Amino acid sequence: MVIMTSATLALSSCASWQKTGSARTANVTHTGIIHKPLVADLSVEPTKVNGSATGNSKYLQSIKNEAIMNALSTAGNADILVEPNFTISTRKKVAKVDVTGYPARYKNFRMLEDSDATWLDIRVYDTMEKQTSIFQRRGFFK
């Protein structure tokens, strides 16, 4: 019994680790709730950074995400990689992803204001095929 317990513990404690990153977005879509959009400025660095990752080609999107994470970490943990350029090579079932791009950081978060909406052209078509600004339609700017 002791040998079986020791073997079970030894085998279950060996696990492989994988670095992952994620992002979440929340769109408020419930009836009766109007959410004023949040905007931010993006500060883009002028120098490109590189990142790479390798893994099972079956999980290519995860490998690309890890390569982006590695590139961002070399830039002091930037928030986003602007204009990412991927080079993907596969051999058998192993994929190697190299990515280059410009690291950027979000700054100056604020609620959407009239000055932001002048350059932000979001249009929707209502049921009468009349094109209106989504912000005017929801009554943000009257």
Protein backbone atom coordinates (compact mmCIF):
# COMPACT_ATOMS: atom_id res chain seq x y z
CA MET A 1 0.00 0.00 0.00
CA VAL A 2 2.81 2.41 0.89
CA ILE A 3 4.62 1.59 -2.36
CA MET A 4 1.46 2.24 -4.42
CA THR A 5 0.84 5.58 -2.66
CA SER A 6 4.46 6.65 -3.16
CA ALA A 7 4.35 5.69 -6.85
CA THR A 8 1.06 7.55 -7.36
CA LEU A 9 2.38 10.69 -5.70
CA ALA A 10 5.64 10.57 -7.65
CA LEU A 11 3.89 10.17 -10.98
CA SER A 12 1.21 12.78 -10.33
CA SER A 13 3.68 15.42 -9.20
CA CYS A 14 5.53 15.34 -12.54
CA ALA A 15 3.78 17.84 -14.75
CA SER A 16 4.88 19.86 -17.72
CA TRP A 17 4.48 23.62 -17.57
CA GLN A 18 3.52 25.86 -20.43
CA LYS A 19 3.61 29.65 -20.37
CA THR A 20 0.36 31.16 -21.50
CA GLY A 21 -1.09 34.60 -21.84
CA SER A 22 -4.61 35.77 -22.30
CA ALA A 23 -6.71 38.82 -22.85
CA ARG A 24 -10.34 39.34 -22.02
CA THR A 25 -12.85 41.75 -23.39
CA ALA A 26 -16.30 42.52 -22.11
CA ASN A 27 -19.00 43.96 -24.30
CA VAL A 28 -22.06 45.16 -22.45
CA THR A 29 -25.02 44.05 -24.54
CA HIS A 30 -27.89 43.71 -22.10
CA THR A 31 -31.11 45.53 -22.84
CA GLY A 32 -31.37 48.86 -21.07
CA ILE A 33 -27.65 49.17 -20.37
CA ILE A 34 -25.78 51.85 -22.25
CA HIS A 35 -22.03 51.82 -21.81
CA LYS A 36 -19.95 54.80 -22.85
CA PRO A 37 -16.84 53.42 -24.59
CA LEU A 38 -13.41 53.61 -23.01
CA VAL A 39 -10.51 54.80 -25.19
CA ALA A 40 -6.76 54.99 -24.69
CA ASP A 41 -3.71 56.34 -26.47
CA LEU A 42 -1.14 53.92 -27.84
CA SER A 43 2.55 54.72 -27.41
CA VAL A 44 4.48 52.74 -30.06
CA GLU A 45 8.24 52.22 -29.75
CA PRO A 46 10.26 53.01 -32.90
CA THR A 47 12.43 49.88 -32.66
CA LYS A 48 11.22 46.40 -33.56
CA VAL A 49 11.53 43.46 -31.16
CA ASN A 50 11.75 39.73 -31.86
CA GLY A 51 10.31 36.68 -30.17
CA SER A 52 10.12 32.98 -30.92
CA ALA A 53 8.45 29.83 -29.68
CA THR A 54 8.38 26.16 -30.63
CA GLY A 55 5.73 23.49 -30.12
CA ASN A 56 3.38 20.96 -31.64
CA SER A 57 2.12 22.32 -34.98
CA LYS A 58 -1.38 21.20 -33.97
CA TYR A 59 -1.43 24.19 -31.58
CA LEU A 60 -0.11 26.84 -33.98
CA GLN A 61 -2.18 29.72 -32.57
CA SER A 62 -0.87 29.01 -29.05
CA ILE A 63 2.69 28.95 -30.36
CA LYS A 64 2.14 32.29 -32.12
CA ASN A 65 0.75 33.76 -28.89
CA GLU A 66 3.77 32.53 -26.95
CA ALA A 67 6.13 34.05 -29.54
CA ILE A 68 4.30 37.38 -29.16
CA MET A 69 4.54 37.10 -25.36
CA ASN A 70 8.28 36.48 -25.62
CA ALA A 71 8.72 39.49 -27.92
CA LEU A 72 6.74 41.71 -25.55
CA SER A 73 8.75 40.56 -22.55
CA THR A 74 11.99 41.65 -24.25
CA ALA A 75 10.48 45.13 -24.55
CA GLY A 76 9.87 45.49 -20.83
CA ASN A 77 6.45 43.85 -20.87
CA ALA A 78 4.76 46.00 -23.49
CA ASP A 79 0.98 45.66 -23.84
CA ILE A 80 0.64 44.88 -27.54
CA LEU A 81 2.76 44.08 -30.59
CA VAL A 82 1.93 46.39 -33.50
CA GLU A 83 2.23 45.05 -37.06
CA PRO A 84 3.42 41.58 -36.09
CA ASN A 85 5.21 39.69 -38.86
CA PHE A 86 5.33 35.91 -38.45
CA THR A 87 7.76 33.41 -39.93
CA ILE A 88 6.55 29.85 -39.41
CA SER A 89 8.61 26.76 -40.15
CA THR A 90 7.43 23.21 -39.54
CA ARG A 91 9.29 19.95 -39.47
CA LYS A 92 7.28 16.82 -38.90
CA LYS A 93 4.87 17.88 -36.14
CA VAL A 94 7.04 20.62 -34.65
CA ALA A 95 6.40 24.25 -35.54
CA LYS A 96 8.81 27.11 -34.88
CA VAL A 97 7.35 30.60 -34.92
CA ASP A 98 9.43 33.76 -35.11
CA VAL A 99 7.71 37.14 -34.81
CA THR A 100 8.88 40.71 -35.18
CA GLY A 101 6.91 43.86 -34.50
CA TYR A 102 6.78 47.18 -32.71
CA PRO A 103 6.08 47.03 -28.97
CA ALA A 104 3.48 49.46 -27.68
CA ARG A 105 1.89 50.46 -24.39
CA TYR A 106 -1.58 51.76 -23.65
CA LYS A 107 -1.70 55.06 -21.79
CA ASN A 108 -4.15 57.82 -20.95
CA PHE A 109 -7.26 55.68 -20.46
CA ARG A 110 -10.41 57.80 -20.48
CA MET A 111 -14.09 57.77 -21.28
CA LEU A 112 -14.88 58.64 -24.89
CA GLU A 113 -15.24 62.37 -25.44
CA ASP A 114 -16.44 64.48 -28.38
CA SER A 115 -12.83 65.12 -29.46
CA ASP A 116 -12.20 61.37 -29.67
CA ALA A 117 -15.35 60.69 -31.65
CA THR A 118 -14.40 63.10 -34.42
CA TRP A 119 -11.65 60.77 -35.65
CA LEU A 120 -13.31 57.55 -34.53
CA ASP A 121 -15.82 56.84 -37.28
CA ILE A 122 -18.04 53.99 -36.14
CA ARG A 123 -21.11 53.65 -38.28
CA VAL A 124 -24.12 51.37 -38.10
CA TYR A 125 -27.16 50.90 -40.30
CA ASP A 126 -30.51 50.95 -38.60
CA THR A 127 -33.54 49.10 -39.93
CA MET A 128 -34.46 51.98 -42.25
CA GLU A 129 -31.04 51.74 -43.98
CA LYS A 130 -30.14 55.13 -42.60
CA GLN A 131 -26.48 55.40 -41.70
CA THR A 132 -25.88 56.94 -38.29
CA SER A 133 -23.00 57.18 -35.90
CA ILE A 134 -23.29 54.53 -33.22
CA PHE A 135 -22.63 57.20 -30.63
CA GLN A 136 -25.42 59.46 -31.89
CA ARG A 137 -27.75 56.50 -32.05
CA ARG A 138 -27.10 55.65 -28.43
CA GLY A 139 -27.41 59.28 -27.37
CA PHE A 140 -23.84 59.93 -26.25
CA PHE A 141 -23.47 63.13 -28.24
CA LYS A 142 -26.51 65.28 -28.92
